[in-house]
Amino acid sequence: MNTSTQFASPLDPSQALINEICPAGEPWVKAIKRGQTFRIVDLEGNQAVDTLFYNAHDAQERYSATDTINRQNKLYLTTGSKLYSNSGNVMLTIIADTCGRHDTLGGACAAESNTVRYALEKFPMHSCRDNFLHALAHDPLCQQLGMSKRDLPSNINFFMNVPVTESGGLEFADGVSAPGKYVEMRAEMDVVVLISNCPQLNNPCNAYNPTPIRLLIWN
């Protein structure tokens, strides 16, 4: 059963160690230490935040949608959900969530999927896959871990609503988030987070308007 559990956090943003804005359509990479708390804020509402996590000491261990879904028998993430790695270890636990539902299946937009979903002329438009590949090739943290395009697994889509139809298909539906909604996680190991703040301009879910997000980390 995929019920949502909305739960607010007592943490004060003014006390955060990191408090940054990621502009619409841009990547963001940061290290999060075990025990630290990480929050993603949907500043203007219904902005998809494509997110990957890696073991900060061994990038071969990374977030696994398959393990996360199978071990909890749930397709959607909310308060209490654990994010598992491909080694079966818990990487992070969602400890607060004011949105209530986050997607594990929809994946990242790409040049190829844009042509299939929308039109052939959409091929050169910027995508989350482009953001991921650029960060993997150029960000210092990713370079330190020796990462490349081979290190690109299926991602989480925070704040995105992707219901599964009765026939087993995916439906990219209207969002369930709103301005100021957030999701907060406790790191259960040292991790590197890689985000693409989705630049998608073809999907009505975000009113064809990508928007910035706020990212915070507390000790």
Protein backbone atom coordinates (compact mmCIF):
# COMPACT_ATOMS: atom_id res chain seq x y z
CA MET A 1 0.00 0.00 0.00
CA ASN A 2 1.42 3.41 -1.00
CA THR A 3 0.10 5.83 1.61
CA SER A 4 1.85 9.15 2.17
CA THR A 5 3.08 10.33 5.55
CA GLN A 6 3.51 14.08 5.79
CA PHE A 7 5.68 15.18 8.68
CA ALA A 8 7.25 18.59 9.30
CA SER A 9 10.79 19.12 10.58
CA PRO A 10 11.86 21.10 13.68
CA LEU A 11 15.17 22.16 12.08
CA ASP A 12 15.88 25.87 11.70
CA PRO A 13 17.22 26.92 8.25
CA SER A 14 19.24 29.70 9.89
CA GLN A 15 21.28 27.01 11.66
CA ALA A 16 22.08 25.04 8.50
CA LEU A 17 25.70 24.38 7.58
CA ILE A 18 24.84 24.62 3.86
CA ASN A 19 21.98 26.78 2.56
CA GLU A 20 22.14 27.21 -1.21
CA ILE A 21 19.90 27.88 -4.18
CA CYS A 22 20.17 25.67 -7.25
CA PRO A 23 18.83 27.59 -10.27
CA ALA A 24 16.26 26.07 -12.58
CA GLY A 25 17.76 23.61 -15.03
CA GLU A 26 21.15 23.28 -13.31
CA PRO A 27 23.08 20.41 -11.64
CA TRP A 28 24.24 20.45 -8.00
CA VAL A 29 26.75 18.16 -6.26
CA LYS A 30 27.65 18.02 -2.57
CA ALA A 31 29.08 15.62 0.03
CA ILE A 32 26.86 14.72 3.00
CA LYS A 33 28.43 13.07 6.05
CA ARG A 34 26.87 10.24 8.00
CA GLY A 35 24.46 11.69 10.56
CA GLN A 36 23.95 14.97 8.74
CA THR A 37 20.47 16.03 7.60
CA PHE A 38 19.76 17.06 4.02
CA ARG A 39 16.68 19.01 2.90
CA ILE A 40 15.39 19.77 -0.62
CA VAL A 41 12.87 22.62 -0.82
CA ASP A 42 10.51 23.03 -3.77
CA LEU A 43 10.48 26.84 -3.72
CA GLU A 44 7.74 27.55 -6.28
CA GLY A 45 5.92 24.20 -6.48
CA ASN A 46 5.83 21.15 -8.78
CA GLN A 47 9.50 21.32 -9.72
CA ALA A 48 10.95 17.86 -10.39
CA VAL A 49 14.28 17.31 -8.63
CA ASP A 50 16.10 14.35 -10.23
CA THR A 51 18.46 12.97 -7.59
CA LEU A 52 21.20 10.34 -7.29
CA PHE A 53 23.24 9.25 -4.26
CA TYR A 54 26.66 7.56 -4.16
CA ASN A 55 28.83 6.14 -1.40
CA ALA A 56 31.31 8.97 -0.83
CA HIS A 57 34.20 6.48 -0.59
CA ASP A 58 33.25 4.05 -3.36
CA ALA A 59 31.06 5.26 -6.22
CA GLN A 60 30.39 1.66 -7.28
CA GLU A 61 27.89 1.65 -4.43
CA ARG A 62 25.00 3.91 -5.32
CA TYR A 63 21.25 4.42 -4.90
CA SER A 64 19.25 1.50 -6.25
CA ALA A 65 15.62 1.96 -7.23
CA THR A 66 15.24 -1.83 -7.40
CA ASP A 67 16.48 -2.45 -3.85
CA THR A 68 14.58 0.52 -2.45
CA ILE A 69 11.27 -0.64 -3.94
CA ASN A 70 11.72 -4.36 -3.24
CA ARG A 71 12.84 -4.08 0.38
CA GLN A 72 9.90 -1.85 1.36
CA ASN A 73 7.29 -3.10 -1.12
CA LYS A 74 6.44 0.52 -2.00
CA LEU A 75 6.77 2.47 -5.23
CA TYR A 76 6.66 5.94 -3.70
CA LEU A 77 8.85 7.61 -1.10
CA THR A 78 7.75 9.60 1.94
CA THR A 79 8.51 9.95 5.67
CA GLY A 80 10.05 6.73 6.99
CA SER A 81 11.24 5.51 3.58
CA LYS A 82 14.78 4.20 3.41
CA LEU A 83 16.95 4.70 0.33
CA TYR A 84 18.91 1.51 -0.33
CA SER A 85 22.11 1.03 -2.31
CA ASN A 86 22.88 -1.66 -4.87
CA SER A 87 24.81 -3.40 -2.07
CA GLY A 88 21.69 -3.60 0.09
CA ASN A 89 22.81 -0.92 2.56
CA VAL A 90 20.66 1.96 3.77
CA MET A 91 22.11 5.18 2.41
CA LEU A 92 19.56 7.69 3.74
CA THR A 93 16.27 7.73 5.64
CA ILE A 94 13.51 10.25 4.92
CA ILE A 95 12.74 11.82 8.30
CA ALA A 96 10.45 14.69 7.25
CA ASP A 97 8.28 15.30 4.22
CA THR A 98 5.63 17.96 3.64
CA CYS A 99 4.87 16.84 0.09
CA GLY A 100 4.01 13.21 0.86
CA ARG A 101 4.90 11.36 -2.34
CA HIS A 102 8.01 11.09 -4.52
CA ASP A 103 8.63 9.04 -7.66
CA THR A 104 11.05 6.12 -8.03
CA LEU A 105 10.18 5.00 -11.58
CA GLY A 106 9.98 7.90 -14.05
CA GLY A 107 13.72 8.30 -14.58
CA ALA A 108 15.47 11.34 -16.01
CA CYS A 109 14.46 13.25 -19.11
CA ALA A 110 16.93 12.89 -21.97
CA ALA A 111 17.30 13.98 -25.58
CA GLU A 112 16.00 10.59 -26.71
CA SER A 113 12.97 10.50 -24.41
CA ASN A 114 12.10 14.09 -25.35
CA THR A 115 11.81 13.04 -28.99
CA VAL A 116 9.64 10.01 -28.10
CA ARG A 117 7.31 11.86 -25.72
CA TYR A 118 7.07 15.20 -27.46
CA ALA A 119 8.55 15.72 -30.95
CA LEU A 120 11.65 14.99 -33.02
CA GLU A 121 12.68 18.65 -33.00
CA LYS A 122 12.98 18.51 -29.18
CA PHE A 123 16.17 16.43 -29.45
CA PRO A 124 18.64 19.30 -28.79
CA MET A 125 16.77 20.63 -25.74
CA HIS A 126 18.60 20.54 -22.40
CA SER A 127 17.77 17.56 -20.17
CA CYS A 128 18.48 15.98 -16.78
CA ARG A 129 20.68 13.37 -18.43
CA ASP A 130 22.79 16.21 -19.84
CA ASN A 131 23.10 17.69 -16.33
CA PHE A 132 24.11 14.35 -14.83
CA LEU A 133 26.69 13.65 -17.54
CA HIS A 134 28.18 17.14 -17.27
CA ALA A 135 28.53 16.87 -13.47
CA LEU A 136 30.00 13.36 -13.64
CA ALA A 137 32.64 14.59 -16.09
CA HIS A 138 33.47 17.97 -14.55
CA ASP A 139 32.52 18.27 -10.87
CA PRO A 140 35.56 17.91 -8.54
CA LEU A 141 33.81 15.47 -6.19
CA CYS A 142 32.83 13.24 -9.10
CA GLN A 143 36.34 13.47 -10.52
CA GLN A 144 37.84 12.45 -7.17
CA LEU A 145 35.72 9.31 -7.24
CA GLY A 146 36.71 8.55 -10.84
CA MET A 147 33.13 8.73 -12.04
CA SER A 148 31.91 8.87 -15.64
CA LYS A 149 28.76 8.19 -17.67
CA ARG A 150 28.92 4.51 -16.69
CA ASP A 151 27.99 5.66 -13.15
CA LEU A 152 24.49 6.79 -14.10
CA PRO A 153 21.78 4.55 -12.55
CA SER A 154 18.04 5.16 -12.25
CA ASN A 155 17.27 8.24 -10.17
CA ILE A 156 14.68 9.48 -7.70
CA ASN A 157 12.31 12.22 -8.87
CA PHE A 158 11.53 14.21 -5.75
CA PHE A 159 8.21 16.12 -5.91
CA MET A 160 7.21 14.35 -9.15
CA ASN A 161 3.91 12.44 -9.51
CA VAL A 162 4.16 9.35 -11.75
CA PRO A 163 1.23 6.98 -11.12
CA VAL A 164 1.34 3.41 -12.44
CA THR A 165 -1.67 2.58 -14.61
CA GLU A 166 -3.68 -0.64 -14.35
CA SER A 167 -1.96 -1.90 -17.49
CA GLY A 168 1.48 -1.33 -15.93
CA GLY A 169 2.36 1.86 -17.75
CA LEU A 170 3.55 5.16 -16.31
CA GLU A 171 1.52 8.36 -16.34
CA PHE A 172 3.31 11.69 -15.88
CA ALA A 173 0.52 13.40 -13.96
CA ASP A 174 -0.02 16.81 -12.41
CA GLY A 175 2.25 17.42 -9.44
CA VAL A 176 1.22 17.05 -5.80
CA SER A 177 3.74 19.57 -4.44
CA ALA A 178 3.34 23.29 -3.76
CA PRO A 179 5.54 26.30 -2.99
CA GLY A 180 7.70 25.69 0.09
CA LYS A 181 7.12 21.93 0.31
CA TYR A 182 10.23 19.96 1.27
CA VAL A 183 11.68 16.53 1.85
CA GLU A 184 14.37 15.89 4.47
CA MET A 185 16.76 12.96 4.82
CA ARG A 186 19.27 11.71 7.39
CA ALA A 187 22.45 10.27 5.88
CA GLU A 188 23.15 6.76 7.17
CA MET A 189 26.58 6.72 5.49
CA ASP A 190 28.87 9.30 3.91
CA VAL A 191 27.28 10.07 0.55
CA VAL A 192 27.68 12.30 -2.48
CA VAL A 193 24.40 13.72 -3.78
CA LEU A 194 24.05 14.56 -7.47
CA ILE A 195 20.99 16.61 -8.45
CA SER A 196 19.59 17.78 -11.74
CA ASN A 197 17.05 20.53 -11.09
CA CYS A 198 14.97 19.46 -14.08
CA PRO A 199 15.08 21.81 -17.11
CA GLN A 200 12.07 20.18 -18.82
CA LEU A 201 10.06 22.69 -20.89
CA ASN A 202 7.68 20.25 -22.62
CA ASN A 203 5.73 18.80 -19.72
CA PRO A 204 2.67 20.60 -18.25
CA CYS A 205 3.40 19.13 -14.78
CA ASN A 206 5.57 22.18 -14.00
CA ALA A 207 3.42 24.59 -16.08
CA TYR A 208 6.27 24.57 -18.67
CA ASN A 209 8.29 26.63 -16.21
CA PRO A 210 11.35 25.13 -14.43
CA THR A 211 12.02 26.88 -11.12
CA PRO A 212 14.84 27.04 -8.52
CA ILE A 213 15.16 24.88 -5.43
CA ARG A 214 16.81 25.40 -2.03
CA LEU A 215 19.23 22.83 -0.60
CA LEU A 216 20.22 22.69 3.08
CA ILE A 217 22.52 20.51 5.18
CA TRP A 218 22.65 20.44 9.00
CA ASN A 219 25.21 18.83 11.30
